[in-house]
Amino acid sequence: MSCRVIRKAHARTQLIEGTEKSVLARRRADGLLGNNILQQAGFQFDIEIHLGMGAYVCGEESALLESLEGKRGTPRNRPPFPVTNGYLDQPTIVNNVETYAAAALIALNGGDWYASIGTKHSAGTKILSVSGDCARPGLYEYPFGVTIRQVLEDCGATETQAVQVSGPSGICVAADEFDREIGFEDIPTAGAFMVFDHRRDMFEVARNFVHFFQHESCGFCTPCRVGTSLLKNLMDKLHNDCGSPYDFAEIEKLNQLLQSMSHCGLGHTACNPVLDTIAKFRPAYEKRMQRLDFVPAFDLDRALAQARQMTGRDDPGAHIVAAEFGEDA
């Protein structure tokens, strides 16, 4: 990201934060926040806004509480749970804004009204953040039970080959599954809805997600810290046309290790995009396998690519040819 973009993003963040604070100040002045709300003695409720720094792992509730306390965003050991020992060791309920908005509507209209929206086991609505290869990206609110196909039609997506529902750790839905529904009975989601059309290489999509997980791992537990790095290396090996069936077996082993040994959900789900795309878009992987036996991943000349970039050299003398070292190089 360039400095110019950073400055713009910082200015936009300051503007949003300033707007939120001014709204809260007006609410307090009107007696709608703070102490003795609407002149009701003892009725106290207030809102304080903390600006997060964008760490993915802080979506985990206890890591979020650690961050709010000014600590490193690392998931806590549980028990105790936040409901008994949360923010500043006080009983704490952690919810997102969407839940509070739904609670306000339930308070106004009643539970029966809310239950009439959606499906039997998924009451109410869900806000989907639609992005990717579509004409009209944005925020869409639907009753639970809406199909993937309906969302794609509404956002102007064409020639779609896959949708990633609920972000990198969610589920990759192929074209033959577009009649599946958003809801706890079928595809639960936190709200992310990423569209990929026929131009996208689904292997590269999964590889990008794996790089993201490796970067966002908090490093607290060894299985996730090391496992996500090993997974990234395996995907990079396939990207560099050094793949073999051995690598598929290693990915499966890593998945079992990460699911059973990781401290939190980031490690548990790190292999999801890879396993989903292997199952549903296997040709994207097979075309990267050049041999049927094991192929070493290390390439000395490729390893020096970053040094060549840093020194501005790309002449023949800055490259290493394997033949110079014999057949075993």
Protein backbone atom coordinates (compact mmCIF):
# COMPACT_ATOMS: atom_id res chain seq x y z
CA MET A 1 0.00 0.00 0.00
CA SER A 2 1.42 3.37 -0.94
CA CYS A 3 1.85 6.20 1.57
CA ARG A 4 -0.79 8.16 -0.33
CA VAL A 5 -3.36 5.41 0.13
CA ILE A 6 -2.43 5.04 3.79
CA ARG A 7 -2.95 8.76 4.37
CA LYS A 8 -6.34 8.62 2.66
CA ALA A 9 -7.37 5.56 4.69
CA HIS A 10 -6.19 7.23 7.90
CA ALA A 11 -8.11 10.41 7.09
CA ARG A 12 -11.25 8.40 6.30
CA THR A 13 -10.91 6.50 9.58
CA GLN A 14 -10.54 9.76 11.50
CA LEU A 15 -13.64 11.16 9.78
CA ILE A 16 -15.73 8.08 10.65
CA GLU A 17 -14.46 8.03 14.23
CA GLY A 18 -15.19 11.77 14.61
CA THR A 19 -18.72 11.32 13.24
CA GLU A 20 -19.44 8.45 15.62
CA LYS A 21 -18.21 10.46 18.60
CA SER A 22 -20.32 13.49 17.66
CA VAL A 23 -23.43 11.28 17.38
CA LEU A 24 -22.76 9.81 20.82
CA ALA A 25 -22.21 13.30 22.26
CA ARG A 26 -25.63 14.38 20.94
CA ARG A 27 -27.27 11.28 22.40
CA ARG A 28 -25.76 12.07 25.81
CA ALA A 29 -26.87 15.71 25.55
CA ASP A 30 -30.40 14.52 24.73
CA GLY A 31 -30.41 12.25 27.77
CA LEU A 32 -30.45 9.06 25.71
CA LEU A 33 -27.04 7.80 26.89
CA GLY A 34 -25.14 7.97 30.14
CA ASN A 35 -26.63 8.27 33.63
CA ASN A 36 -30.32 8.64 34.45
CA ILE A 37 -31.49 8.13 30.87
CA LEU A 38 -34.76 9.99 30.14
CA GLN A 39 -34.74 11.17 33.77
CA GLN A 40 -35.10 7.61 35.03
CA ALA A 41 -33.04 7.40 38.21
CA GLY A 42 -30.51 4.57 38.11
CA PHE A 43 -31.09 3.82 34.42
CA GLN A 44 -27.55 3.86 33.07
CA PHE A 45 -26.29 2.83 29.66
CA ASP A 46 -23.41 4.16 27.61
CA ILE A 47 -21.43 3.37 24.48
CA GLU A 48 -17.70 3.76 23.98
CA ILE A 49 -16.04 3.22 20.60
CA HIS A 50 -12.63 1.61 20.31
CA LEU A 51 -10.89 1.60 16.93
CA GLY A 52 -9.49 -1.84 16.08
CA MET A 53 -6.28 -2.38 14.15
CA GLY A 54 -7.64 -4.92 11.68
CA ALA A 55 -6.26 -8.17 13.12
CA TYR A 56 -8.30 -11.10 11.78
CA VAL A 57 -7.78 -13.18 14.92
CA CYS A 58 -9.48 -10.44 16.99
CA GLY A 59 -12.76 -11.64 15.54
CA GLU A 60 -12.43 -14.37 18.18
CA GLU A 61 -14.24 -13.02 21.25
CA SER A 62 -11.53 -13.50 23.86
CA ALA A 63 -8.83 -12.09 21.54
CA LEU A 64 -11.11 -9.08 21.03
CA LEU A 65 -11.33 -8.60 24.81
CA GLU A 66 -7.56 -8.82 25.12
CA SER A 67 -7.24 -6.11 22.45
CA LEU A 68 -9.79 -3.88 24.21
CA GLU A 69 -7.71 -4.16 27.39
CA GLY A 70 -4.67 -2.89 25.49
CA LYS A 71 -3.00 -6.29 25.26
CA ARG A 72 -1.83 -8.35 22.32
CA GLY A 73 -4.80 -9.86 20.46
CA THR A 74 -4.35 -13.49 21.50
CA PRO A 75 -7.24 -15.90 22.26
CA ARG A 76 -7.53 -16.77 25.93
CA ASN A 77 -7.57 -20.22 27.46
CA ARG A 78 -11.11 -21.19 28.44
CA PRO A 79 -12.61 -21.71 30.97
CA PRO A 80 -13.19 -19.20 32.41
CA PHE A 81 -15.51 -17.92 29.69
CA PRO A 82 -16.24 -14.22 29.01
CA VAL A 83 -19.75 -14.59 30.46
CA THR A 84 -18.13 -14.96 33.90
CA ASN A 85 -14.66 -13.41 33.42
CA GLY A 86 -14.55 -11.12 30.41
CA TYR A 87 -13.54 -7.49 29.90
CA LEU A 88 -11.42 -6.37 32.88
CA ASP A 89 -12.33 -9.72 34.47
CA GLN A 90 -16.01 -8.70 34.65
CA PRO A 91 -18.97 -10.73 33.27
CA THR A 92 -19.16 -9.77 29.60
CA ILE A 93 -21.42 -10.53 26.66
CA VAL A 94 -19.75 -10.25 23.25
CA ASN A 95 -22.00 -9.64 20.24
CA ASN A 96 -21.77 -7.87 16.92
CA VAL A 97 -23.69 -4.78 15.87
CA GLU A 98 -26.04 -6.81 13.68
CA THR A 99 -27.22 -8.76 16.73
CA TYR A 100 -27.91 -5.58 18.71
CA ALA A 101 -29.87 -4.15 15.77
CA ALA A 102 -32.00 -7.32 15.66
CA ALA A 103 -32.52 -7.15 19.43
CA ALA A 104 -33.86 -3.60 19.09
CA LEU A 105 -36.37 -4.71 16.44
CA ILE A 106 -37.47 -7.63 18.62
CA ALA A 107 -37.99 -5.24 21.53
CA LEU A 108 -40.16 -3.03 19.33
CA ASN A 109 -42.14 -5.67 17.43
CA GLY A 110 -41.99 -8.80 19.58
CA GLY A 111 -40.44 -12.23 19.23
CA ASP A 112 -43.30 -13.72 17.22
CA TRP A 113 -42.91 -11.03 14.57
CA TYR A 114 -39.19 -11.71 14.28
CA ALA A 115 -39.69 -15.48 14.20
CA SER A 116 -42.07 -15.08 11.26
CA ILE A 117 -39.13 -13.92 9.12
CA GLY A 118 -36.67 -16.45 7.72
CA THR A 119 -36.91 -20.21 8.24
CA LYS A 120 -37.98 -22.52 11.05
CA HIS A 121 -34.48 -22.87 12.49
CA SER A 122 -33.02 -19.55 11.27
CA ALA A 123 -35.26 -16.68 12.31
CA GLY A 124 -34.81 -13.14 11.06
CA THR A 125 -32.56 -11.66 8.42
CA LYS A 126 -28.88 -11.75 7.51
CA ILE A 127 -26.74 -8.95 6.10
CA LEU A 128 -24.43 -10.23 3.37
CA SER A 129 -21.33 -8.28 2.38
CA VAL A 130 -21.19 -9.09 -1.34
CA SER A 131 -17.87 -8.52 -3.12
CA GLY A 132 -15.88 -9.81 -6.07
CA ASP A 133 -16.92 -10.41 -9.66
CA CYS A 134 -20.34 -8.79 -9.77
CA ALA A 135 -21.85 -5.60 -11.16
CA ARG A 136 -23.36 -4.40 -7.87
CA PRO A 137 -21.22 -5.25 -4.82
CA GLY A 138 -22.39 -3.98 -1.45
CA LEU A 139 -24.41 -4.84 1.65
CA TYR A 140 -27.59 -6.86 1.09
CA GLU A 141 -30.12 -7.83 3.77
CA TYR A 142 -32.13 -11.01 3.18
CA PRO A 143 -34.41 -13.22 5.23
CA PHE A 144 -32.62 -16.42 6.16
CA GLY A 145 -33.34 -19.09 3.57
CA VAL A 146 -32.28 -17.05 0.53
CA THR A 147 -30.43 -19.12 -2.09
CA ILE A 148 -26.96 -18.44 -3.38
CA ARG A 149 -28.46 -18.15 -6.85
CA GLN A 150 -30.86 -15.38 -5.78
CA VAL A 151 -28.02 -13.32 -4.29
CA LEU A 152 -25.97 -13.74 -7.47
CA GLU A 153 -28.89 -12.55 -9.60
CA ASP A 154 -29.49 -9.52 -7.38
CA CYS A 155 -25.85 -8.40 -7.37
CA GLY A 156 -25.48 -8.80 -11.15
CA ALA A 157 -23.02 -11.70 -11.13
CA THR A 158 -22.61 -13.62 -14.39
CA GLU A 159 -20.59 -16.68 -15.39
CA THR A 160 -19.91 -17.38 -11.72
CA GLN A 161 -17.91 -20.51 -11.02
CA ALA A 162 -17.68 -20.27 -7.22
CA VAL A 163 -18.81 -18.33 -4.16
CA GLN A 164 -16.86 -18.21 -0.91
CA VAL A 165 -19.42 -17.91 1.88
CA SER A 166 -18.36 -16.66 5.33
CA GLY A 167 -14.86 -15.56 4.37
CA PRO A 168 -11.62 -17.54 4.01
CA SER A 169 -12.56 -19.91 6.84
CA GLY A 170 -16.02 -20.58 5.41
CA ILE A 171 -17.22 -22.80 2.59
CA CYS A 172 -16.50 -22.65 -1.14
CA VAL A 173 -19.71 -23.27 -3.11
CA ALA A 174 -19.40 -24.50 -6.71
CA ALA A 175 -21.86 -23.76 -9.53
CA ASP A 176 -23.84 -26.98 -9.03
CA GLU A 177 -24.60 -25.92 -5.43
CA PHE A 178 -26.05 -22.46 -6.10
CA ASP A 179 -29.52 -23.57 -5.00
CA ARG A 180 -28.26 -24.09 -1.47
CA GLU A 181 -29.64 -21.71 1.18
CA ILE A 182 -28.11 -19.27 3.65
CA GLY A 183 -29.16 -20.45 7.10
CA PHE A 184 -28.16 -22.67 9.98
CA GLU A 185 -29.90 -25.62 8.33
CA ASP A 186 -27.60 -25.43 5.30
CA ILE A 187 -24.87 -22.76 5.00
CA PRO A 188 -24.36 -20.65 8.14
CA THR A 189 -22.38 -17.47 7.61
CA ALA A 190 -20.90 -14.49 9.39
CA GLY A 191 -21.93 -12.43 6.35
CA ALA A 192 -19.08 -12.46 3.83
CA PHE A 193 -20.10 -13.43 0.27
CA MET A 194 -17.21 -13.44 -2.25
CA VAL A 195 -18.00 -14.02 -5.92
CA PHE A 196 -15.51 -15.58 -8.39
CA ASP A 197 -16.30 -15.79 -12.10
CA HIS A 198 -14.87 -18.12 -14.75
CA ARG A 199 -11.72 -15.99 -15.17
CA ARG A 200 -10.46 -16.85 -11.69
CA ASP A 201 -8.01 -19.66 -10.98
CA MET A 202 -9.49 -21.29 -7.88
CA PHE A 203 -6.11 -22.71 -6.90
CA GLU A 204 -4.73 -19.18 -6.72
CA VAL A 205 -7.79 -18.09 -4.73
CA ALA A 206 -7.11 -20.81 -2.17
CA ARG A 207 -3.39 -20.02 -2.15
CA ASN A 208 -4.16 -16.38 -1.42
CA PHE A 209 -6.36 -17.41 1.51
CA VAL A 210 -3.58 -19.66 2.85
CA HIS A 211 -1.09 -16.77 2.69
CA PHE A 212 -3.66 -14.67 4.58
CA PHE A 213 -4.05 -17.26 7.34
CA GLN A 214 -0.28 -17.62 7.73
CA HIS A 215 0.10 -13.84 8.00
CA GLU A 216 -2.82 -13.43 10.44
CA SER A 217 -1.90 -16.27 12.80
CA CYS A 218 -1.21 -14.73 16.21
CA GLY A 219 1.61 -17.25 16.76
CA PHE A 220 0.37 -18.19 20.24
CA CYS A 221 0.22 -21.93 19.59
CA THR A 222 2.80 -23.99 17.72
CA PRO A 223 0.34 -26.06 15.61
CA CYS A 224 -1.10 -22.92 13.99
CA ARG A 225 2.11 -20.90 13.86
CA VAL A 226 4.07 -23.70 12.18
CA GLY A 227 1.18 -25.47 10.46
CA THR A 228 0.00 -22.43 8.51
CA SER A 229 3.59 -21.79 7.37
CA LEU A 230 3.96 -25.39 6.18
CA LEU A 231 0.63 -25.14 4.38
CA LYS A 232 1.73 -21.93 2.67
CA ASN A 233 4.97 -23.62 1.58
CA LEU A 234 3.05 -26.55 0.09
CA MET A 235 0.76 -24.24 -1.87
CA ASP A 236 3.75 -22.24 -3.08
CA LYS A 237 5.39 -25.49 -4.14
CA LEU A 238 2.35 -26.34 -6.27
CA HIS A 239 2.36 -22.79 -7.64
CA ASN A 240 5.97 -23.29 -8.74
CA ASP A 241 5.05 -26.47 -10.68
CA CYS A 242 6.84 -28.78 -8.24
CA GLY A 243 3.73 -30.56 -7.01
CA SER A 244 3.13 -34.30 -6.66
CA PRO A 245 0.53 -36.59 -5.02
CA TYR A 246 2.77 -36.51 -1.95
CA ASP A 247 1.73 -32.89 -1.37
CA PHE A 248 -1.99 -33.76 -1.29
CA ALA A 249 -1.30 -36.30 1.47
CA GLU A 250 0.72 -33.70 3.40
CA ILE A 251 -2.11 -31.17 3.15
CA GLU A 252 -4.51 -33.73 4.62
CA LYS A 253 -2.09 -34.46 7.47
CA LEU A 254 -1.75 -30.75 8.20
CA ASN A 255 -5.53 -30.38 8.25
CA GLN A 256 -5.86 -33.13 10.86
CA LEU A 257 -3.13 -31.57 12.98
CA LEU A 258 -4.51 -28.04 12.76
CA GLN A 259 -8.07 -29.13 13.54
CA SER A 260 -7.13 -31.22 16.55
CA MET A 261 -4.28 -29.18 18.06
CA SER A 262 -4.83 -25.47 17.29
CA HIS A 263 -5.77 -23.13 20.11
CA CYS A 264 -8.57 -21.30 18.27
CA GLY A 265 -10.75 -21.28 15.16
CA LEU A 266 -8.18 -19.66 12.88
CA GLY A 267 -6.01 -22.78 12.95
CA HIS A 268 -9.01 -25.11 12.92
CA THR A 269 -10.23 -23.68 9.60
CA ALA A 270 -6.95 -22.76 7.89
CA CYS A 271 -7.11 -25.75 5.54
CA ASN A 272 -10.78 -25.25 4.60
CA PRO A 273 -10.22 -23.24 1.38
CA VAL A 274 -7.62 -25.77 0.17
CA LEU A 275 -9.68 -28.87 0.90
CA ASP A 276 -12.82 -27.32 -0.60
CA THR A 277 -11.11 -26.31 -3.83
CA ILE A 278 -9.30 -29.65 -4.13
CA ALA A 279 -12.67 -31.41 -3.89
CA LYS A 280 -14.55 -29.08 -6.24
CA PHE A 281 -11.87 -27.71 -8.60
CA ARG A 282 -9.32 -30.52 -8.68
CA PRO A 283 -8.17 -29.83 -12.28
CA ALA A 284 -6.78 -26.51 -11.05
CA TYR A 285 -4.44 -28.52 -8.82
CA GLU A 286 -3.68 -31.44 -11.12
CA LYS A 287 -2.35 -29.21 -13.88
CA ARG A 288 0.36 -28.11 -11.45
CA MET A 289 1.60 -31.63 -10.79
CA GLN A 290 4.48 -32.29 -13.14
CA ARG A 291 5.50 -35.68 -11.75
CA LEU A 292 3.94 -38.63 -9.99
CA ASP A 293 6.81 -38.96 -7.50
CA PHE A 294 8.11 -36.56 -4.85
CA VAL A 295 9.63 -33.32 -6.14
CA PRO A 296 11.82 -31.15 -3.89
CA ALA A 297 10.41 -27.69 -3.31
CA PHE A 298 13.67 -25.79 -2.86
CA ASP A 299 15.07 -23.91 -5.85
CA LEU A 300 18.30 -22.03 -5.09
CA ASP A 301 17.93 -19.61 -7.98
CA ARG A 302 14.33 -18.82 -7.03
CA ALA A 303 15.40 -18.32 -3.41
CA LEU A 304 17.76 -15.57 -4.57
CA ALA A 305 15.04 -13.70 -6.46
CA GLN A 306 14.38 -11.32 -3.58
CA ALA A 307 18.09 -10.53 -3.27
CA ARG A 308 18.22 -9.73 -6.99
CA GLN A 309 15.24 -7.42 -6.60
CA MET A 310 16.79 -5.63 -3.61
CA THR A 311 20.14 -5.12 -5.34
CA GLY A 312 18.63 -4.24 -8.72
CA ARG A 313 20.60 -7.00 -10.45
CA ASP A 314 19.13 -9.37 -13.00
CA ASP A 315 22.15 -10.10 -15.18
CA PRO A 316 23.29 -13.67 -15.95
CA GLY A 317 25.88 -13.49 -13.17
CA ALA A 318 23.11 -12.97 -10.60
CA HIS A 319 21.45 -16.28 -11.50
CA ILE A 320 22.47 -19.79 -10.47
CA VAL A 321 22.06 -22.63 -12.93
CA ALA A 322 21.60 -26.07 -11.41
CA ALA A 323 23.85 -27.64 -14.03
CA GLU A 324 26.81 -25.71 -12.55
CA PHE A 325 26.58 -27.91 -9.48
CA GLY A 326 26.02 -31.22 -11.15
CA GLU A 327 22.94 -33.42 -11.41
CA ASP A 328 22.35 -33.49 -7.65
CA ALA A 329 22.05 -29.68 -7.31
